[in-house]
Amino acid sequence: MKKKLLLGTNNKDKIIEIKEILKEVGLEIKTLNDLKIKIEVVEDRDSLEGNAIKKAEEMWKKAKMPCTADDTGLFVDALDGAPGVYSSRYAGEDVSYKGNRRKLLCDLDGVPLISRTAYFRTVVCYYYAKGKYEIFDGVCEGKILFEERGENGFGYDAIFLANGYDKTFAELDIEEKNRISHRAKAFEKFKEYLSIQ
């Protein structure tokens, strides 16, 4: 019988990416929607790890099954690491992806390309029993472009160019992105962990 895993996120874009990454693991993957669970966890910790752990623990309490929750931040060197842990609400609560991108481009106005270095970091928490969890992280380094390019992806993908690539995350298809992205790297570590359990 397949082990069950809850993906502790309401973000449909994340769910698509994570299911693609985990498709060969042999898990029965469930979403909050599948289980009719309505929950919004306030991300009020000051680190990606803190938010990922808090979300995973809350989801586990609701579902009583092993789950993953992740938190991701975009860290821009010219902005002293901003937006960082506040990436999803950089331009305010309930702002669109485009609104966040627009604010970031505005904040980087006048900064030359050579100084627009940045990295994405994802922290995944796998919470499998009361008080028991594992942490996995992944990083993708690159730079912030001057304008949006591409229609795929979500978040800051249209303005992020990974090192060694000439296409933004939003110009890559999901298979290409999942070979190099921060989220893919974190979930690959999770997959390795599962393989030795």
N, C-alpha and C. Protein backbone atom coordinates (compact mmCIF):
# COMPACT_ATOMS: atom_id res chain seq x y z
N MET A 1 0.83 -1.18 0.00
CA MET A 1 0.00 0.00 0.00
C MET A 1 0.88 1.25 0.00
N LYS A 2 0.53 2.22 -0.84
CA LYS A 2 1.33 3.44 -0.94
C LYS A 2 1.23 4.27 0.34
N LYS A 3 2.36 4.87 0.71
CA LYS A 3 2.34 5.81 1.83
C LYS A 3 1.66 7.09 1.35
N LYS A 4 0.92 7.72 2.27
CA LYS A 4 0.24 8.96 1.93
C LYS A 4 1.09 10.16 2.36
N LEU A 5 1.00 11.22 1.58
CA LEU A 5 1.70 12.46 1.89
C LEU A 5 0.78 13.62 1.56
N LEU A 6 0.63 14.52 2.52
CA LEU A 6 -0.14 15.74 2.30
C LEU A 6 0.79 16.86 1.88
N LEU A 7 0.46 17.53 0.79
CA LEU A 7 1.18 18.73 0.39
C LEU A 7 0.51 19.91 1.10
N GLY A 8 1.18 20.44 2.08
CA GLY A 8 0.59 21.48 2.92
C GLY A 8 0.68 22.86 2.32
N THR A 9 -0.03 23.06 1.21
CA THR A 9 -0.07 24.39 0.60
C THR A 9 -1.40 24.55 -0.13
N ASN A 10 -1.88 25.79 -0.19
CA ASN A 10 -3.06 26.11 -0.98
C ASN A 10 -2.68 26.69 -2.34
N ASN A 11 -1.36 26.85 -2.57
CA ASN A 11 -0.86 27.46 -3.80
C ASN A 11 -0.88 26.44 -4.94
N LYS A 12 -1.80 26.62 -5.89
CA LYS A 12 -1.97 25.66 -6.98
C LYS A 12 -0.72 25.54 -7.84
N ASP A 13 0.01 26.65 -8.02
CA ASP A 13 1.23 26.63 -8.82
C ASP A 13 2.30 25.74 -8.16
N LYS A 14 2.43 25.88 -6.84
CA LYS A 14 3.39 25.05 -6.10
C LYS A 14 3.00 23.57 -6.19
N ILE A 15 1.71 23.29 -6.07
CA ILE A 15 1.23 21.90 -6.10
C ILE A 15 1.62 21.24 -7.42
N ILE A 16 1.43 21.95 -8.52
CA ILE A 16 1.78 21.40 -9.84
C ILE A 16 3.27 21.07 -9.89
N GLU A 17 4.11 22.00 -9.44
CA GLU A 17 5.56 21.78 -9.46
C GLU A 17 5.96 20.60 -8.58
N ILE A 18 5.44 20.56 -7.36
CA ILE A 18 5.85 19.53 -6.40
C ILE A 18 5.39 18.15 -6.87
N LYS A 19 4.16 18.05 -7.38
CA LYS A 19 3.67 16.76 -7.88
C LYS A 19 4.55 16.26 -9.02
N GLU A 20 4.99 17.17 -9.86
CA GLU A 20 5.87 16.80 -10.97
C GLU A 20 7.20 16.25 -10.44
N ILE A 21 7.75 16.91 -9.43
CA ILE A 21 9.03 16.50 -8.86
C ILE A 21 8.91 15.13 -8.17
N LEU A 22 7.79 14.90 -7.49
CA LEU A 22 7.62 13.68 -6.69
C LEU A 22 6.91 12.55 -7.43
N LYS A 23 6.67 12.71 -8.73
CA LYS A 23 5.80 11.76 -9.44
C LYS A 23 6.32 10.32 -9.44
N GLU A 24 7.63 10.11 -9.31
CA GLU A 24 8.16 8.75 -9.36
C GLU A 24 8.46 8.15 -7.99
N VAL A 25 8.06 8.82 -6.94
CA VAL A 25 8.40 8.37 -5.59
C VAL A 25 7.50 7.24 -5.10
N GLY A 26 6.30 7.12 -5.69
CA GLY A 26 5.39 6.06 -5.26
C GLY A 26 4.57 6.42 -4.05
N LEU A 27 4.39 7.72 -3.81
CA LEU A 27 3.55 8.18 -2.71
C LEU A 27 2.14 8.46 -3.22
N GLU A 28 1.17 8.30 -2.35
CA GLU A 28 -0.18 8.76 -2.66
C GLU A 28 -0.28 10.19 -2.17
N ILE A 29 -0.18 11.13 -3.10
CA ILE A 29 -0.10 12.54 -2.74
C ILE A 29 -1.49 13.15 -2.63
N LYS A 30 -1.72 13.79 -1.50
CA LYS A 30 -2.99 14.45 -1.24
C LYS A 30 -2.77 15.95 -1.09
N THR A 31 -3.80 16.71 -1.44
CA THR A 31 -3.76 18.15 -1.22
C THR A 31 -4.78 18.50 -0.14
N LEU A 32 -4.69 19.72 0.37
CA LEU A 32 -5.67 20.17 1.35
C LEU A 32 -7.08 20.11 0.77
N ASN A 33 -7.18 20.44 -0.50
CA ASN A 33 -8.48 20.41 -1.18
C ASN A 33 -9.03 18.98 -1.25
N ASP A 34 -8.14 18.01 -1.54
CA ASP A 34 -8.57 16.61 -1.57
C ASP A 34 -9.21 16.19 -0.25
N LEU A 35 -8.61 16.66 0.85
CA LEU A 35 -9.07 16.26 2.18
C LEU A 35 -10.11 17.21 2.77
N LYS A 36 -10.53 18.18 1.95
CA LYS A 36 -11.53 19.17 2.38
C LYS A 36 -11.08 19.91 3.65
N ILE A 37 -9.79 20.19 3.71
CA ILE A 37 -9.24 20.92 4.85
C ILE A 37 -9.10 22.40 4.47
N LYS A 38 -9.72 23.25 5.25
CA LYS A 38 -9.60 24.70 5.05
C LYS A 38 -8.70 25.25 6.15
N ILE A 39 -7.54 25.72 5.77
CA ILE A 39 -6.62 26.27 6.76
C ILE A 39 -5.70 27.30 6.10
N GLU A 40 -5.51 28.40 6.79
CA GLU A 40 -4.56 29.42 6.36
C GLU A 40 -3.64 29.68 7.55
N VAL A 41 -2.38 29.31 7.41
CA VAL A 41 -1.43 29.50 8.50
C VAL A 41 -0.74 30.84 8.32
N VAL A 42 -0.74 31.64 9.37
CA VAL A 42 -0.08 32.96 9.32
C VAL A 42 1.43 32.75 9.34
N GLU A 43 2.09 33.25 8.31
CA GLU A 43 3.55 33.11 8.21
C GLU A 43 4.21 34.27 8.94
N ASP A 44 4.34 34.12 10.26
CA ASP A 44 4.84 35.24 11.07
C ASP A 44 6.21 34.98 11.69
N ARG A 45 6.90 33.93 11.23
CA ARG A 45 8.24 33.66 11.73
C ARG A 45 9.25 34.51 10.96
N ASP A 46 10.44 34.69 11.54
CA ASP A 46 11.43 35.55 10.90
C ASP A 46 12.44 34.79 10.05
N SER A 47 12.11 33.53 9.73
CA SER A 47 13.00 32.74 8.87
C SER A 47 12.16 31.79 8.03
N LEU A 48 12.72 31.35 6.92
CA LEU A 48 12.04 30.37 6.08
C LEU A 48 11.81 29.08 6.85
N GLU A 49 12.82 28.66 7.60
CA GLU A 49 12.70 27.44 8.41
C GLU A 49 11.53 27.55 9.39
N GLY A 50 11.46 28.68 10.08
CA GLY A 50 10.40 28.88 11.06
C GLY A 50 9.02 28.79 10.45
N ASN A 51 8.84 29.43 9.29
CA ASN A 51 7.55 29.39 8.62
C ASN A 51 7.21 27.99 8.12
N ALA A 52 8.21 27.30 7.55
CA ALA A 52 7.96 25.95 7.02
C ALA A 52 7.56 24.99 8.14
N ILE A 53 8.26 25.06 9.26
CA ILE A 53 7.95 24.19 10.40
C ILE A 53 6.56 24.50 10.94
N LYS A 54 6.27 25.79 11.12
CA LYS A 54 4.96 26.18 11.65
C LYS A 54 3.83 25.67 10.75
N LYS A 55 3.98 25.88 9.44
CA LYS A 55 2.93 25.44 8.50
C LYS A 55 2.77 23.92 8.54
N ALA A 56 3.90 23.20 8.50
CA ALA A 56 3.83 21.74 8.47
C ALA A 56 3.18 21.19 9.74
N GLU A 57 3.54 21.76 10.88
CA GLU A 57 2.97 21.30 12.16
C GLU A 57 1.46 21.53 12.20
N GLU A 58 1.02 22.71 11.75
CA GLU A 58 -0.41 23.01 11.76
C GLU A 58 -1.18 22.08 10.83
N MET A 59 -0.59 21.81 9.66
CA MET A 59 -1.24 20.91 8.70
C MET A 59 -1.31 19.49 9.27
N TRP A 60 -0.23 19.05 9.90
CA TRP A 60 -0.19 17.71 10.48
C TRP A 60 -1.27 17.57 11.56
N LYS A 61 -1.42 18.58 12.39
CA LYS A 61 -2.44 18.54 13.44
C LYS A 61 -3.84 18.40 12.85
N LYS A 62 -4.08 19.06 11.74
CA LYS A 62 -5.40 19.00 11.09
C LYS A 62 -5.64 17.66 10.41
N ALA A 63 -4.62 17.18 9.68
CA ALA A 63 -4.81 15.99 8.83
C ALA A 63 -4.43 14.68 9.50
N LYS A 64 -3.58 14.76 10.52
CA LYS A 64 -3.08 13.56 11.20
C LYS A 64 -2.43 12.59 10.21
N MET A 65 -1.65 13.15 9.29
CA MET A 65 -0.89 12.33 8.35
C MET A 65 0.40 13.08 7.99
N PRO A 66 1.44 12.34 7.57
CA PRO A 66 2.70 13.00 7.21
C PRO A 66 2.45 14.06 6.15
N CYS A 67 3.14 15.20 6.30
CA CYS A 67 2.94 16.27 5.33
C CYS A 67 4.22 17.05 5.11
N THR A 68 4.25 17.75 3.99
CA THR A 68 5.34 18.69 3.73
C THR A 68 4.74 20.08 3.65
N ALA A 69 5.51 21.04 4.10
CA ALA A 69 5.18 22.45 3.89
C ALA A 69 6.50 23.14 3.59
N ASP A 70 6.44 24.14 2.74
CA ASP A 70 7.68 24.82 2.40
C ASP A 70 7.50 26.32 2.45
N ASP A 71 8.61 27.01 2.57
CA ASP A 71 8.61 28.46 2.46
C ASP A 71 9.78 28.83 1.57
N THR A 72 9.55 29.82 0.73
CA THR A 72 10.55 30.23 -0.25
C THR A 72 10.76 31.72 -0.17
N GLY A 73 12.00 32.13 -0.36
CA GLY A 73 12.31 33.55 -0.40
C GLY A 73 13.25 33.87 -1.54
N LEU A 74 13.11 35.08 -2.06
CA LEU A 74 14.05 35.62 -3.05
C LEU A 74 14.91 36.64 -2.33
N PHE A 75 16.20 36.43 -2.35
CA PHE A 75 17.14 37.29 -1.62
C PHE A 75 17.99 38.06 -2.63
N VAL A 76 17.83 39.38 -2.65
CA VAL A 76 18.51 40.24 -3.62
C VAL A 76 19.64 40.98 -2.93
N ASP A 77 20.85 40.77 -3.41
CA ASP A 77 22.03 41.34 -2.74
C ASP A 77 21.99 42.86 -2.67
N ALA A 78 21.58 43.52 -3.74
CA ALA A 78 21.57 45.00 -3.77
C ALA A 78 20.55 45.58 -2.80
N LEU A 79 19.61 44.75 -2.33
CA LEU A 79 18.58 45.19 -1.38
C LEU A 79 18.82 44.59 0.01
N ASP A 80 20.08 44.25 0.27
CA ASP A 80 20.46 43.66 1.58
C ASP A 80 19.63 42.42 1.92
N GLY A 81 19.33 41.62 0.88
CA GLY A 81 18.61 40.37 1.12
C GLY A 81 17.11 40.45 0.98
N ALA A 82 16.57 41.65 0.82
CA ALA A 82 15.11 41.77 0.61
C ALA A 82 14.78 41.24 -0.80
N PRO A 83 13.55 40.77 -1.00
CA PRO A 83 12.43 40.69 -0.04
C PRO A 83 12.53 39.53 0.96
N GLY A 84 13.38 38.54 0.69
CA GLY A 84 13.65 37.48 1.66
C GLY A 84 12.42 36.76 2.15
N VAL A 85 12.30 36.66 3.46
CA VAL A 85 11.20 35.91 4.07
C VAL A 85 9.84 36.56 3.77
N TYR A 86 9.86 37.81 3.32
CA TYR A 86 8.60 38.52 3.02
C TYR A 86 8.28 38.51 1.52
N SER A 87 8.90 37.62 0.76
CA SER A 87 8.77 37.63 -0.70
C SER A 87 7.33 37.56 -1.19
N SER A 88 6.50 36.73 -0.57
CA SER A 88 5.13 36.56 -1.08
C SER A 88 4.24 37.76 -0.78
N ARG A 89 4.66 38.61 0.13
CA ARG A 89 3.85 39.79 0.48
C ARG A 89 4.70 41.06 0.46
N TYR A 90 5.67 41.09 -0.44
CA TYR A 90 6.62 42.20 -0.53
C TYR A 90 5.92 43.53 -0.78
N ALA A 91 4.93 43.55 -1.64
CA ALA A 91 4.22 44.79 -1.96
C ALA A 91 2.96 44.96 -1.11
N GLY A 92 2.79 44.09 -0.10
CA GLY A 92 1.62 44.17 0.78
C GLY A 92 0.84 42.86 0.79
N GLU A 93 -0.05 42.74 1.75
CA GLU A 93 -0.89 41.54 1.85
C GLU A 93 -1.83 41.46 0.65
N ASP A 94 -2.08 40.25 0.18
CA ASP A 94 -3.02 40.01 -0.92
C ASP A 94 -2.69 40.75 -2.21
N VAL A 95 -1.40 40.99 -2.43
CA VAL A 95 -0.96 41.62 -3.68
C VAL A 95 -0.64 40.51 -4.68
N SER A 96 -0.88 40.78 -5.95
CA SER A 96 -0.64 39.79 -7.00
C SER A 96 0.85 39.54 -7.20
N TYR A 97 1.16 38.42 -7.88
CA TYR A 97 2.56 38.17 -8.25
C TYR A 97 3.13 39.37 -9.00
N LYS A 98 2.34 39.91 -9.92
CA LYS A 98 2.79 41.03 -10.74
C LYS A 98 3.09 42.26 -9.88
N GLY A 99 2.26 42.49 -8.87
CA GLY A 99 2.48 43.61 -7.96
C GLY A 99 3.81 43.49 -7.23
N ASN A 100 4.13 42.29 -6.78
CA ASN A 100 5.42 42.06 -6.11
C ASN A 100 6.59 42.28 -7.07
N ARG A 101 6.44 41.78 -8.30
CA ARG A 101 7.51 41.96 -9.29
C ARG A 101 7.71 43.44 -9.59
N ARG A 102 6.61 44.16 -9.74
CA ARG A 102 6.68 45.58 -10.05
C ARG A 102 7.42 46.34 -8.94
N LYS A 103 7.11 46.03 -7.69
CA LYS A 103 7.79 46.71 -6.58
C LYS A 103 9.28 46.40 -6.58
N LEU A 104 9.62 45.13 -6.84
CA LEU A 104 11.04 44.76 -6.84
C LEU A 104 11.79 45.49 -7.95
N LEU A 105 11.22 45.53 -9.14
CA LEU A 105 11.87 46.23 -10.25
C LEU A 105 12.02 47.72 -9.94
N CYS A 106 11.02 48.29 -9.30
CA CYS A 106 11.07 49.70 -8.91
C CYS A 106 12.19 49.93 -7.89
N ASP A 107 12.29 49.04 -6.91
CA ASP A 107 13.32 49.18 -5.87
C ASP A 107 14.73 49.01 -6.43
N LEU A 108 14.84 48.32 -7.57
CA LEU A 108 16.15 48.10 -8.20
C LEU A 108 16.43 49.10 -9.33
N ASP A 109 15.56 50.07 -9.49
CA ASP A 109 15.73 51.07 -10.55
C ASP A 109 17.11 51.73 -10.45
N GLY A 110 17.85 51.73 -11.56
CA GLY A 110 19.17 52.35 -11.58
C GLY A 110 20.31 51.44 -11.20
N VAL A 111 19.98 50.23 -10.71
CA VAL A 111 21.02 49.27 -10.33
C VAL A 111 21.45 48.51 -11.58
N PRO A 112 22.76 48.52 -11.93
CA PRO A 112 23.21 47.83 -13.15
C PRO A 112 23.10 46.31 -13.01
N LEU A 113 23.03 45.62 -14.16
CA LEU A 113 22.83 44.18 -14.17
C LEU A 113 23.88 43.44 -13.34
N ILE A 114 25.11 43.88 -13.40
CA ILE A 114 26.19 43.19 -12.66
C ILE A 114 25.94 43.18 -11.15
N SER A 115 25.17 44.17 -10.68
CA SER A 115 24.90 44.28 -9.24
C SER A 115 23.52 43.75 -8.85
N ARG A 116 22.84 43.11 -9.79
CA ARG A 116 21.49 42.62 -9.52
C ARG A 116 21.47 41.13 -9.18
N THR A 117 22.55 40.68 -8.54
CA THR A 117 22.65 39.27 -8.15
C THR A 117 21.62 38.93 -7.07
N ALA A 118 21.13 37.69 -7.15
CA ALA A 118 20.08 37.26 -6.21
C ALA A 118 20.06 35.75 -6.16
N TYR A 119 19.37 35.22 -5.17
CA TYR A 119 19.16 33.77 -5.14
C TYR A 119 17.81 33.46 -4.52
N PHE A 120 17.22 32.39 -5.03
CA PHE A 120 16.01 31.82 -4.44
C PHE A 120 16.45 30.75 -3.44
N ARG A 121 15.75 30.66 -2.33
CA ARG A 121 15.99 29.57 -1.37
C ARG A 121 14.64 29.01 -0.93
N THR A 122 14.51 27.70 -0.98
CA THR A 122 13.32 27.01 -0.48
C THR A 122 13.71 26.12 0.69
N VAL A 123 12.91 26.16 1.74
CA VAL A 123 13.07 25.25 2.87
C VAL A 123 11.81 24.40 2.96
N VAL A 124 12.00 23.08 2.93
CA VAL A 124 10.89 22.13 3.03
C VAL A 124 10.94 21.47 4.40
N CYS A 125 9.81 21.43 5.08
CA CYS A 125 9.69 20.69 6.33
C CYS A 125 8.81 19.47 6.09
N TYR A 126 9.35 18.31 6.39
CA TYR A 126 8.58 17.06 6.33
C TYR A 126 8.22 16.70 7.76
N TYR A 127 6.94 16.83 8.10
CA TYR A 127 6.46 16.62 9.47
C TYR A 127 5.71 15.29 9.49
N TYR A 128 6.23 14.31 10.23
CA TYR A 128 5.66 12.96 10.12
C TYR A 128 5.10 12.38 11.42
N ALA A 129 5.34 13.02 12.55
CA ALA A 129 4.78 12.58 13.83
C ALA A 129 4.88 13.76 14.79
N LYS A 130 4.16 13.68 15.89
CA LYS A 130 4.15 14.81 16.83
C LYS A 130 5.56 15.19 17.24
N GLY A 131 5.93 16.42 16.94
CA GLY A 131 7.26 16.93 17.31
C GLY A 131 8.41 16.38 16.49
N LYS A 132 8.10 15.60 15.45
CA LYS A 132 9.17 14.98 14.65
C LYS A 132 9.10 15.47 13.21
N TYR A 133 10.22 16.00 12.76
CA TYR A 133 10.26 16.53 11.39
C TYR A 133 11.70 16.56 10.88
N GLU A 134 11.81 16.69 9.56
CA GLU A 134 13.10 16.83 8.90
C GLU A 134 13.04 18.08 8.02
N ILE A 135 14.21 18.71 7.84
CA ILE A 135 14.30 19.94 7.04
C ILE A 135 15.21 19.70 5.84
N PHE A 136 14.78 20.21 4.68
CA PHE A 136 15.57 20.11 3.45
C PHE A 136 15.56 21.48 2.78
N ASP A 137 16.69 21.88 2.21
CA ASP A 137 16.68 23.18 1.55
C ASP A 137 17.36 23.12 0.19
N GLY A 138 17.02 24.09 -0.65
CA GLY A 138 17.59 24.18 -1.98
C GLY A 138 17.79 25.63 -2.36
N VAL A 139 18.86 25.91 -3.10
CA VAL A 139 19.19 27.28 -3.51
C VAL A 139 19.44 27.32 -5.01
N CYS A 140 18.99 28.38 -5.65
CA CYS A 140 19.29 28.64 -7.06
C CYS A 140 19.75 30.08 -7.18
N GLU A 141 20.97 30.27 -7.67
CA GLU A 141 21.54 31.61 -7.79
C GLU A 141 21.33 32.17 -9.19
N GLY A 142 21.23 33.49 -9.27
CA GLY A 142 21.04 34.13 -10.57
C GLY A 142 21.05 35.63 -10.44
N LYS A 143 20.25 36.28 -11.28
CA LYS A 143 20.17 37.74 -11.23
C LYS A 143 18.76 38.19 -11.61
N ILE A 144 18.46 39.44 -11.25
CA ILE A 144 17.16 40.03 -11.55
C ILE A 144 17.29 40.89 -12.81
N LEU A 145 16.46 40.60 -13.80
CA LEU A 145 16.49 41.35 -15.05
C LEU A 145 15.78 42.70 -14.90
N PHE A 146 15.79 43.49 -15.97
CA PHE A 146 15.18 44.82 -15.94
C PHE A 146 13.70 44.80 -16.30
N GLU A 147 13.27 43.72 -16.95
CA GLU A 147 11.86 43.63 -17.34
C GLU A 147 11.44 42.16 -17.37
N GLU A 148 10.14 41.96 -17.38
CA GLU A 148 9.59 40.61 -17.36
C GLU A 148 9.77 39.91 -18.71
N ARG A 149 10.03 38.60 -18.62
CA ARG A 149 10.14 37.77 -19.83
C ARG A 149 9.53 36.41 -19.55
N GLY A 150 8.60 35.96 -20.41
CA GLY A 150 8.04 34.62 -20.28
C GLY A 150 6.66 34.60 -19.66
N GLU A 151 5.94 33.52 -19.96
CA GLU A 151 4.54 33.37 -19.51
C GLU A 151 4.36 32.22 -18.53
N ASN A 152 5.37 31.39 -18.34
CA ASN A 152 5.24 30.23 -17.45
C ASN A 152 5.57 30.62 -16.02
N GLY A 153 5.47 29.63 -15.12
CA GLY A 153 5.88 29.85 -13.74
C GLY A 153 4.97 30.79 -12.99
N PHE A 154 5.49 31.34 -11.90
CA PHE A 154 4.70 32.21 -11.03
C PHE A 154 5.66 33.00 -10.15
N GLY A 155 5.13 33.81 -9.27
CA GLY A 155 5.98 34.59 -8.38
C GLY A 155 6.91 35.52 -9.14
N TYR A 156 8.20 35.41 -8.85
CA TYR A 156 9.20 36.28 -9.47
C TYR A 156 9.86 35.63 -10.69
N ASP A 157 9.31 34.52 -11.17
CA ASP A 157 9.94 33.75 -12.24
C ASP A 157 10.25 34.57 -13.50
N ALA A 158 9.37 35.52 -13.83
CA ALA A 158 9.52 36.27 -15.08
C ALA A 158 10.68 37.26 -15.07
N ILE A 159 11.24 37.53 -13.89
CA ILE A 159 12.36 38.48 -13.83
C ILE A 159 13.64 37.84 -13.28
N PHE A 160 13.60 36.51 -13.04
CA PHE A 160 14.77 35.82 -12.47
C PHE A 160 15.46 34.99 -13.54
N LEU A 161 16.74 35.25 -13.73
CA LEU A 161 17.56 34.52 -14.69
C LEU A 161 18.60 33.71 -13.91
N ALA A 162 18.48 32.39 -13.94
CA ALA A 162 19.42 31.53 -13.22
C ALA A 162 20.79 31.57 -13.88
N ASN A 163 21.84 31.49 -13.07
CA ASN A 163 23.20 31.49 -13.59
C ASN A 163 23.39 30.37 -14.62
N GLY A 164 24.00 30.72 -15.75
CA GLY A 164 24.26 29.73 -16.79
C GLY A 164 23.14 29.55 -17.78
N TYR A 165 22.05 30.30 -17.61
CA TYR A 165 20.89 30.19 -18.49
C TYR A 165 20.61 31.51 -19.18
N ASP A 166 20.01 31.44 -20.37
CA ASP A 166 19.63 32.66 -21.07
C ASP A 166 18.12 32.83 -21.12
N LYS A 167 17.41 31.97 -20.40
CA LYS A 167 15.96 32.07 -20.27
C LYS A 167 15.60 32.27 -18.80
N THR A 168 14.58 33.11 -18.57
CA THR A 168 14.08 33.26 -17.20
C THR A 168 13.35 31.99 -16.80
N PHE A 169 13.07 31.85 -15.51
CA PHE A 169 12.27 30.72 -15.04
C PHE A 169 10.92 30.68 -15.77
N ALA A 170 10.38 31.85 -16.11
CA ALA A 170 9.07 31.91 -16.77
C ALA A 170 9.14 31.56 -18.25
N GLU A 171 10.36 31.47 -18.80
CA GLU A 171 10.53 31.05 -20.19
C GLU A 171 10.86 29.56 -20.29
N LEU A 172 11.14 28.93 -19.17
CA LEU A 172 11.44 27.50 -19.15
C LEU A 172 10.14 26.71 -19.00
N ASP A 173 10.11 25.49 -19.55
CA ASP A 173 8.95 24.66 -19.27
C ASP A 173 9.16 24.01 -17.90
N ILE A 174 8.12 23.35 -17.39
CA ILE A 174 8.18 22.86 -16.01
C ILE A 174 9.28 21.82 -15.81
N GLU A 175 9.54 20.99 -16.83
CA GLU A 175 10.60 19.97 -16.70
C GLU A 175 11.96 20.63 -16.59
N GLU A 176 12.20 21.67 -17.43
CA GLU A 176 13.48 22.38 -17.37
C GLU A 176 13.66 23.08 -16.03
N LYS A 177 12.61 23.76 -15.60
CA LYS A 177 12.69 24.49 -14.33
C LYS A 177 12.95 23.52 -13.18
N ASN A 178 12.30 22.35 -13.23
CA ASN A 178 12.43 21.39 -12.14
C ASN A 178 13.78 20.67 -12.14
N ARG A 179 14.62 20.94 -13.11
CA ARG A 179 15.99 20.41 -13.07
C ARG A 179 16.93 21.33 -12.29
N ILE A 180 16.56 22.61 -12.19
CA ILE A 180 17.52 23.58 -11.62
C ILE A 180 16.97 24.42 -10.48
N SER A 181 15.65 24.41 -10.26
CA SER A 181 15.09 25.36 -9.31
C SER A 181 15.40 25.02 -7.86
N HIS A 182 15.31 26.03 -7.03
CA HIS A 182 15.48 25.93 -5.59
C HIS A 182 14.50 24.92 -4.99
N ARG A 183 13.24 24.99 -5.42
CA ARG A 183 12.22 24.07 -4.89
C ARG A 183 12.53 22.63 -5.30
N ALA A 184 12.95 22.46 -6.56
CA ALA A 184 13.31 21.12 -7.03
C ALA A 184 14.47 20.56 -6.23
N LYS A 185 15.47 21.38 -5.96
CA LYS A 185 16.65 20.91 -5.21
C LYS A 185 16.26 20.49 -3.79
N ALA A 186 15.39 21.27 -3.16
CA ALA A 186 14.95 20.91 -1.80
C ALA A 186 14.15 19.61 -1.81
N PHE A 187 13.23 19.47 -2.76
CA PHE A 187 12.42 18.25 -2.82
C PHE A 187 13.21 17.04 -3.31
N GLU A 188 14.28 17.27 -4.08
CA GLU A 188 15.16 16.15 -4.45
C GLU A 188 15.84 15.59 -3.20
N LYS A 189 16.24 16.47 -2.29
CA LYS A 189 16.84 16.01 -1.02
C LYS A 189 15.81 15.24 -0.21
N PHE A 190 14.56 15.70 -0.25
CA PHE A 190 13.47 14.99 0.42
C PHE A 190 13.29 13.60 -0.18
N LYS A 191 13.35 13.51 -1.50
CA LYS A 191 13.23 12.23 -2.19
C LYS A 191 14.35 11.28 -1.77
N GLU A 192 15.58 11.80 -1.69
CA GLU A 192 16.71 10.97 -1.26
C GLU A 192 16.49 10.45 0.15
N TYR A 193 15.98 11.31 1.01
CA TYR A 193 15.67 10.90 2.39
C TYR A 193 14.65 9.77 2.41
N LEU A 194 13.60 9.90 1.61
CA LEU A 194 12.56 8.86 1.56
C LEU A 194 13.11 7.54 1.07
N SER A 195 14.08 7.60 0.15
CA SER A 195 14.62 6.37 -0.46
C SER A 195 15.41 5.52 0.52
N ILE A 196 15.88 6.13 1.61
CA ILE A 196 16.68 5.37 2.58
C ILE A 196 15.91 5.05 3.87
N GLN A 197 14.61 5.41 3.87
CA GLN A 197 13.79 5.13 5.06
C GLN A 197 13.26 3.70 5.02
